Amino acid sequence: MTEDKVDTTDVQADEDSGEEEKPLTFLEILGSTFAAAVGVQSKENRARDFSRGKPIQFIMAGVVFAALFVLVLVFAVRLVLSLI
């Protein structure tokens, strides 16, 4: 009886590539959006975002971030002006 050997290198390569193809988590998107807004996004994270992220995720995160930023500024200005 001879046993057929199975080549596992292809299986391992598929598993490794599957890990890199998993979608970004909410916290990764949030962190990337904040880092990009501040201007401190690393090349590694930017490459990860372009390879694993979807544009709509970053568009929506950017719109929400911009809206919250404007609301915080309006609140801060109103607070300061009410103290004067």
C-alpha atoms as a PDB file:
ATOM      1  CA  MET A   1       0.000   0.000   0.000  1.00  0.00           C
ATOM      2  CA  THR A   2       1.296   3.388  -0.898  1.00  0.00           C
ATOM      3  CA  GLU A   3       0.042   6.544   0.661  1.00  0.00           C
ATOM      4  CA  ASP A   4      -0.325   9.596  -1.485  1.00  0.00           C
ATOM      5  CA  LYS A   5       1.463  12.567  -0.022  1.00  0.00           C
ATOM      6  CA  VAL A   6      -0.425  15.806  -0.117  1.00  0.00           C
ATOM      7  CA  ASP A   7       1.511  18.955  -0.887  1.00  0.00           C
ATOM      8  CA  THR A   8       0.616  21.369   1.938  1.00  0.00           C
ATOM      9  CA  THR A   9       2.617  24.342   0.675  1.00  0.00           C
ATOM     10  CA  ASP A  10      -0.286  25.535  -1.483  1.00  0.00           C
ATOM     11  CA  VAL A  11      -2.695  25.208   1.428  1.00  0.00           C
ATOM     12  CA  GLN A  12      -0.408  27.215   3.705  1.00  0.00           C
ATOM     13  CA  ALA A  13       0.042  29.914   1.048  1.00  0.00           C
ATOM     14  CA  ASP A  14      -3.738  30.164   0.670  1.00  0.00           C
ATOM     15  CA  GLU A  15      -4.173  30.484   4.431  1.00  0.00           C
ATOM     16  CA  ASP A  16      -1.526  33.202   4.668  1.00  0.00           C
ATOM     17  CA  SER A  17      -3.035  35.217   1.824  1.00  0.00           C
ATOM     18  CA  GLY A  18      -6.489  34.849   3.407  1.00  0.00           C
ATOM     19  CA  GLU A  19      -5.283  36.565   6.554  1.00  0.00           C
ATOM     20  CA  GLU A  20      -4.199  39.619   4.594  1.00  0.00           C
ATOM     21  CA  GLU A  21      -7.479  39.761   2.691  1.00  0.00           C
ATOM     22  CA  LYS A  22      -9.742  39.983   5.730  1.00  0.00           C
ATOM     23  CA  PRO A  23     -11.628  43.284   5.900  1.00  0.00           C
ATOM     24  CA  LEU A  24     -10.557  46.096   8.189  1.00  0.00           C
ATOM     25  CA  THR A  25     -12.156  46.319  11.607  1.00  0.00           C
ATOM     26  CA  PHE A  26     -14.093  49.359  12.769  1.00  0.00           C
ATOM     27  CA  LEU A  27     -11.226  50.432  15.030  1.00  0.00           C
ATOM     28  CA  GLU A  28      -8.700  50.130  12.188  1.00  0.00           C
ATOM     29  CA  ILE A  29     -10.869  52.342   9.981  1.00  0.00           C
ATOM     30  CA  LEU A  30     -11.378  54.833  12.812  1.00  0.00           C
ATOM     31  CA  GLY A  31      -7.656  54.938  13.583  1.00  0.00           C
ATOM     32  CA  SER A  32      -6.718  55.351   9.930  1.00  0.00           C
ATOM     33  CA  THR A  33      -9.244  58.144   9.474  1.00  0.00           C
ATOM     34  CA  PHE A  34      -7.963  60.026  12.500  1.00  0.00           C
ATOM     35  CA  ALA A  35      -4.313  59.503  11.533  1.00  0.00           C
ATOM     36  CA  ALA A  36      -4.982  60.685   7.979  1.00  0.00           C
ATOM     37  CA  ALA A  37      -6.834  63.772   9.264  1.00  0.00           C
ATOM     38  CA  VAL A  38      -3.954  64.676  11.564  1.00  0.00           C
ATOM     39  CA  GLY A  39      -1.389  63.779   8.886  1.00  0.00           C
ATOM     40  CA  VAL A  40       0.544  61.071  10.685  1.00  0.00           C
ATOM     41  CA  GLN A  41      -0.567  57.978   8.730  1.00  0.00           C
ATOM     42  CA  SER A  42       2.272  55.469   8.385  1.00  0.00           C
ATOM     43  CA  LYS A  43       3.173  53.959   5.015  1.00  0.00           C
ATOM     44  CA  GLU A  44       2.463  50.487   6.387  1.00  0.00           C
ATOM     45  CA  ASN A  45      -1.063  51.401   7.500  1.00  0.00           C
ATOM     46  CA  ARG A  46      -1.760  53.289   4.266  1.00  0.00           C
ATOM     47  CA  ALA A  47      -0.734  50.217   2.254  1.00  0.00           C
ATOM     48  CA  ARG A  48      -2.945  48.042   4.469  1.00  0.00           C
ATOM     49  CA  ASP A  49      -5.869  50.420   3.960  1.00  0.00           C
ATOM     50  CA  PHE A  50      -5.507  50.397   0.172  1.00  0.00           C
ATOM     51  CA  SER A  51      -5.183  46.616  -0.013  1.00  0.00           C
ATOM     52  CA  ARG A  52      -7.875  45.583   2.486  1.00  0.00           C
ATOM     53  CA  GLY A  53     -10.200  48.555   2.822  1.00  0.00           C
ATOM     54  CA  LYS A  54     -13.142  49.626   0.710  1.00  0.00           C
ATOM     55  CA  PRO A  55     -13.377  53.255  -0.426  1.00  0.00           C
ATOM     56  CA  ILE A  56     -16.928  53.690   0.875  1.00  0.00           C
ATOM     57  CA  GLN A  57     -15.766  52.828   4.394  1.00  0.00           C
ATOM     58  CA  PHE A  58     -13.208  55.627   4.383  1.00  0.00           C
ATOM     59  CA  ILE A  59     -15.556  58.085   2.664  1.00  0.00           C
ATOM     60  CA  MET A  60     -18.218  57.536   5.321  1.00  0.00           C
ATOM     61  CA  ALA A  61     -15.675  57.687   8.147  1.00  0.00           C
ATOM     62  CA  GLY A  62     -14.252  60.914   6.701  1.00  0.00           C
ATOM     63  CA  VAL A  63     -17.674  62.524   6.391  1.00  0.00           C
ATOM     64  CA  VAL A  64     -18.604  61.563   9.957  1.00  0.00           C
ATOM     65  CA  PHE A  65     -15.221  62.758  11.253  1.00  0.00           C
ATOM     66  CA  ALA A  66     -15.555  66.090   9.415  1.00  0.00           C
ATOM     67  CA  ALA A  67     -19.100  66.622  10.723  1.00  0.00           C
ATOM     68  CA  LEU A  68     -18.065  65.868  14.305  1.00  0.00           C
ATOM     69  CA  PHE A  69     -15.028  68.140  13.952  1.00  0.00           C
ATOM     70  CA  VAL A  70     -17.195  71.044  12.753  1.00  0.00           C
ATOM     71  CA  LEU A  71     -19.732  70.464  15.547  1.00  0.00           C
ATOM     72  CA  VAL A  72     -16.969  70.469  18.176  1.00  0.00           C
ATOM     73  CA  LEU A  73     -15.571  73.714  16.755  1.00  0.00           C
ATOM     74  CA  VAL A  74     -19.009  75.363  16.746  1.00  0.00           C
ATOM     75  CA  PHE A  75     -19.605  74.241  20.330  1.00  0.00           C
ATOM     76  CA  ALA A  76     -16.186  75.496  21.449  1.00  0.00           C
ATOM     77  CA  VAL A  77     -16.672  78.905  19.786  1.00  0.00           C
ATOM     78  CA  ARG A  78     -20.138  79.314  21.296  1.00  0.00           C
ATOM     79  CA  LEU A  79     -18.789  78.363  24.719  1.00  0.00           C
ATOM     80  CA  VAL A  80     -15.945  80.859  24.504  1.00  0.00           C
ATOM     81  CA  LEU A  81     -18.223  83.632  23.203  1.00  0.00           C
ATOM     82  CA  SER A  82     -20.737  83.042  25.987  1.00  0.00           C
ATOM     83  CA  LEU A  83     -17.986  83.549  28.569  1.00  0.00           C
ATOM     84  CA  ILE A  84     -17.015  86.957  27.182  1.00  0.00           C
END
